[in-house]
């Protein structure tokens, strides 16, 4: 068995934990402590998140999309495949190391999506982007932490709580789509989405796409037209 090789590490803001990047052969893993946050072996559900949401707004002229959480670039890459050439995609990533790794060691995994001319990158908290948005976006894709029950940053509780969902609702245009990825189901989160005013679809998708694997959860939440 080929051992994992540590490539790099970086502190996590407002946390005592550390983010680390590992490689074993052609596989990559980003971890928080000893727990994997994301890996290159299973990304079908992240791609499904972007594909399902962006197909619904792809025909809109100059579609405005926010990708909250860059990950390993798979969500962004899948979104770009669905969107027209005049779309504008804002990637908001809190951790500078994730952006750096996506421009270096991880760049080829998803086809170098950060080099697409439709993409802008903002290193910051997606919560701040949502707070200032007012009917600004056609779709918001959230793959932050590990979903509503994430473990890397306590501040993400706001994002998935009533205040954060209200901010997302206000930041979307009529008929806009909020798509949220989670490692597992969360009935209370789905209830919060509906209470905010969204029409909600609760989907289970395989982590490895056509290759199956564990089931992850995607919520597709739409604002009234």
Protein backbone atom coordinates (compact mmCIF):
# COMPACT_ATOMS: atom_id res chain seq x y z
CA UNK A 1 0.00 0.00 0.00
CA UNK A 2 1.39 3.40 -1.00
CA UNK A 3 1.51 5.68 2.05
CA UNK A 4 -0.12 9.12 2.09
CA UNK A 5 2.32 11.98 1.58
CA UNK A 6 1.79 15.33 3.32
CA UNK A 7 2.11 18.08 0.71
CA UNK A 8 1.14 21.18 2.67
CA UNK A 9 -0.77 22.48 5.67
CA UNK A 10 -2.41 25.73 6.75
CA UNK A 11 -4.21 27.09 9.81
CA UNK A 12 -8.00 27.38 9.85
CA UNK A 13 -9.19 30.87 10.88
CA UNK A 14 -10.87 31.03 14.30
CA UNK A 15 -9.98 27.40 14.96
CA UNK A 16 -7.24 25.46 16.69
CA UNK A 17 -7.35 22.86 13.92
CA UNK A 18 -5.13 22.71 10.87
CA UNK A 19 -5.98 22.01 7.25
CA UNK A 20 -3.65 19.62 5.44
CA UNK A 21 -3.23 18.43 1.86
CA UNK A 22 -2.16 14.83 1.23
CA UNK A 23 -1.38 12.75 -1.87
CA UNK A 24 -1.21 9.00 -2.47
CA UNK A 25 -0.44 8.11 -6.06
CA UNK A 26 -3.03 10.00 -8.10
CA UNK A 27 -5.41 10.51 -5.15
CA UNK A 28 -5.59 13.69 -3.08
CA UNK A 29 -7.12 14.31 0.32
CA UNK A 30 -7.78 17.49 2.30
CA UNK A 31 -8.09 16.85 6.01
CA UNK A 32 -8.91 18.61 9.25
CA UNK A 33 -6.81 16.87 11.84
CA UNK A 34 -7.21 13.17 11.11
CA UNK A 35 -10.63 13.54 9.49
CA UNK A 36 -11.02 13.87 5.72
CA UNK A 37 -12.91 16.97 4.63
CA UNK A 38 -12.76 16.20 0.91
CA UNK A 39 -11.10 13.70 -1.41
CA UNK A 40 -10.52 13.30 -5.12
CA UNK A 41 -11.90 9.75 -5.16
CA UNK A 42 -15.51 10.78 -4.52
CA UNK A 43 -16.89 13.93 -6.13
CA UNK A 44 -20.04 12.84 -7.99
CA UNK A 45 -22.38 14.47 -5.50
CA UNK A 46 -20.56 17.81 -5.71
CA UNK A 47 -20.88 17.72 -9.49
CA UNK A 48 -24.58 16.82 -9.19
CA UNK A 49 -25.12 19.84 -6.93
CA UNK A 50 -23.88 22.22 -9.63
CA UNK A 51 -25.37 20.34 -12.57
CA UNK A 52 -28.92 20.22 -11.18
CA UNK A 53 -28.95 23.83 -10.04
CA UNK A 54 -27.23 25.43 -13.02
CA UNK A 55 -29.30 23.63 -15.64
CA UNK A 56 -32.36 25.41 -14.27
CA UNK A 57 -30.94 28.89 -14.77
CA UNK A 58 -28.50 28.32 -17.64
CA UNK A 59 -30.73 29.93 -20.29
CA UNK A 60 -30.96 33.23 -18.44
CA UNK A 61 -28.94 36.03 -20.01
CA UNK A 62 -25.74 36.80 -18.09
CA UNK A 63 -26.58 34.34 -15.33
CA UNK A 64 -25.01 35.34 -12.02
CA UNK A 65 -23.84 32.42 -9.89
CA UNK A 66 -22.10 32.22 -6.52
CA UNK A 67 -20.09 29.13 -5.63
CA UNK A 68 -19.60 29.10 -1.87
CA UNK A 69 -16.73 26.75 -1.11
CA UNK A 70 -14.16 25.90 -3.80
CA UNK A 71 -13.28 22.44 -2.52
CA UNK A 72 -11.21 20.61 -5.12
CA UNK A 73 -12.84 22.50 -7.98
CA UNK A 74 -15.35 19.83 -9.02
CA UNK A 75 -18.45 21.88 -8.16
CA UNK A 76 -17.12 24.89 -10.07
CA UNK A 77 -16.12 22.79 -13.07
CA UNK A 78 -19.56 21.16 -13.28
CA UNK A 79 -21.27 24.56 -13.05
CA UNK A 80 -19.17 25.97 -15.89
CA UNK A 81 -20.14 23.06 -18.14
CA UNK A 82 -23.82 23.97 -17.76
CA UNK A 83 -23.58 27.76 -18.00
CA UNK A 84 -23.50 29.91 -21.12
CA UNK A 85 -20.46 31.86 -22.26
CA UNK A 86 -21.82 35.14 -20.84
CA UNK A 87 -22.33 33.81 -17.30
CA UNK A 88 -20.52 35.35 -14.35
CA UNK A 89 -19.37 32.97 -11.59
CA UNK A 90 -18.13 34.29 -8.27
CA UNK A 91 -16.20 31.74 -6.21
CA UNK A 92 -16.05 32.62 -2.52
CA UNK A 93 -13.53 30.64 -0.50
CA UNK A 94 -12.62 31.40 3.09
CA UNK A 95 -9.31 29.54 3.17
CA UNK A 96 -6.51 30.99 1.02
CA UNK A 97 -4.73 27.63 1.07
CA UNK A 98 -7.64 25.99 -0.77
CA UNK A 99 -7.37 28.59 -3.55
CA UNK A 100 -3.60 28.18 -3.68
CA UNK A 101 -3.84 24.38 -3.87
CA UNK A 102 -6.45 24.63 -6.65
CA UNK A 103 -4.01 26.70 -8.65
CA UNK A 104 -1.20 24.26 -7.95
CA UNK A 105 -1.31 20.62 -6.87
CA UNK A 106 -5.07 20.21 -7.39
CA UNK A 107 -5.44 22.27 -10.57
CA UNK A 108 -5.70 19.40 -13.05
CA UNK A 109 -8.22 17.34 -11.07
CA UNK A 110 -11.25 19.26 -12.34
CA UNK A 111 -9.71 20.69 -15.50
CA UNK A 112 -8.31 23.99 -14.15
CA UNK A 113 -11.69 25.73 -13.73
CA UNK A 114 -10.14 28.78 -12.04
CA UNK A 115 -8.59 29.68 -15.39
CA UNK A 116 -12.02 30.06 -17.05
CA UNK A 117 -12.63 33.70 -18.01
CA UNK A 118 -16.14 33.57 -16.50
CA UNK A 119 -14.73 32.98 -13.02
CA UNK A 120 -13.87 35.51 -10.33
CA UNK A 121 -12.40 34.49 -6.97
CA UNK A 122 -12.98 36.22 -3.67
CA UNK A 123 -11.07 35.00 -0.63
CA UNK A 124 -13.49 35.60 2.20
CA UNK A 125 -16.59 34.40 3.99
CA UNK A 126 -19.53 33.59 1.73
CA UNK A 127 -21.79 34.75 4.58
CA UNK A 128 -20.65 38.32 3.91
CA UNK A 129 -21.44 37.94 0.21
CA UNK A 130 -24.96 36.83 1.06
CA UNK A 131 -25.48 39.59 3.61
CA UNK A 132 -24.90 42.36 1.07
CA UNK A 133 -26.66 40.73 -1.89
CA UNK A 134 -30.14 41.93 -2.81
CA UNK A 135 -31.79 40.06 -5.71
CA UNK A 136 -28.30 39.80 -7.19
CA UNK A 137 -27.89 36.13 -8.12
CA UNK A 138 -29.63 33.49 -10.19
CA UNK A 139 -28.08 30.64 -8.22
CA UNK A 140 -26.07 30.13 -5.05
CA UNK A 141 -24.22 26.85 -4.61
CA UNK A 142 -23.14 26.09 -1.05
CA UNK A 143 -20.62 23.36 -0.34
CA UNK A 144 -19.17 24.78 2.84
CA UNK A 145 -17.69 22.74 5.66
CA UNK A 146 -19.47 19.36 5.63
CA UNK A 147 -22.98 20.77 5.31
CA UNK A 148 -25.26 21.95 8.14
CA UNK A 149 -23.56 19.51 10.53
CA UNK A 150 -20.03 20.52 9.55
CA UNK A 151 -17.05 20.49 11.83
CA UNK A 152 -14.36 22.91 10.68
CA UNK A 153 -15.80 26.26 11.75
CA UNK A 154 -18.45 27.18 14.30
CA UNK A 155 -19.24 30.38 12.38
CA UNK A 156 -20.89 28.26 9.69
CA UNK A 157 -23.81 27.77 12.07
CA UNK A 158 -25.04 31.23 11.01
CA UNK A 159 -24.85 30.31 7.32
CA UNK A 160 -27.11 27.29 7.74
CA UNK A 161 -29.37 28.89 10.34
CA UNK A 162 -32.45 31.07 9.90
CA UNK A 163 -30.46 34.29 9.46
CA UNK A 164 -28.16 32.82 6.82
CA UNK A 165 -31.00 31.28 4.85
CA UNK A 166 -32.92 34.56 4.97
CA UNK A 167 -29.83 36.33 3.61
CA UNK A 168 -29.56 33.75 0.80
CA UNK A 169 -33.26 34.14 0.00
CA UNK A 170 -32.89 37.92 -0.29
CA UNK A 171 -29.70 37.61 -2.36
CA UNK A 172 -31.46 35.50 -5.01
CA UNK A 173 -33.51 36.83 -7.88
CA UNK A 174 -37.12 35.62 -8.42
CA UNK A 175 -36.99 31.96 -9.38
CA UNK A 176 -33.43 31.75 -8.09
CA UNK A 177 -31.92 28.49 -6.91
CA UNK A 178 -30.09 27.84 -3.66
CA UNK A 179 -28.36 24.45 -3.82
CA UNK A 180 -26.83 23.04 -0.65
CA UNK A 181 -24.54 20.00 -0.30
CA UNK A 182 -24.38 17.89 2.84
CA UNK A 183 -22.63 14.70 3.86
CA UNK A 184 -25.92 13.45 5.29
CA UNK A 185 -29.64 14.20 5.71
CA UNK A 186 -30.89 16.87 8.09
CA UNK A 187 -34.66 17.14 8.49
CA UNK A 188 -34.43 20.26 10.64
CA UNK A 189 -32.41 22.05 7.97
CA UNK A 190 -35.01 21.20 5.32
CA UNK A 191 -37.68 22.62 7.62
CA UNK A 192 -35.70 25.85 8.01
CA UNK A 193 -35.46 26.17 4.23
CA UNK A 194 -39.23 25.86 3.87
CA UNK A 195 -39.88 28.22 6.76
CA UNK A 196 -37.71 30.82 5.00
CA UNK A 197 -39.98 30.68 1.94
CA UNK A 198 -38.14 28.32 -0.39
CA UNK A 199 -39.74 25.53 -2.40
CA UNK A 200 -37.53 22.60 -1.51
CA UNK A 201 -36.44 19.35 -3.12
CA UNK A 202 -34.53 16.93 -0.91
CA UNK A 203 -32.33 14.65 -3.05
CA UNK A 204 -29.99 11.74 -2.32
CA UNK A 205 -27.12 11.34 -4.75
CA UNK A 206 -24.20 8.87 -4.83
CA UNK A 207 -20.84 10.22 -3.72
CA UNK A 208 -19.08 8.60 -6.67
CA UNK A 209 -21.66 9.40 -9.34
CA UNK A 210 -22.22 6.46 -11.68
CA UNK A 211 -19.84 4.39 -9.56
CA UNK A 212 -22.22 4.57 -6.60
CA UNK A 213 -20.78 4.89 -3.13
CA UNK A 214 -22.26 6.48 -0.04
CA UNK A 215 -25.34 8.66 -0.42
CA UNK A 216 -24.95 12.38 0.10
CA UNK A 217 -27.75 14.92 0.41
CA UNK A 218 -28.53 17.86 -1.87
CA UNK A 219 -31.23 20.43 -1.24
CA UNK A 220 -32.51 22.37 -4.24
CA UNK A 221 -34.38 25.38 -2.87
CA UNK A 222 -36.16 27.81 -5.21
CA UNK A 223 -37.46 31.31 -4.53
CA UNK A 224 -40.93 32.25 -5.85
CA UNK A 225 -40.96 33.53 -9.45
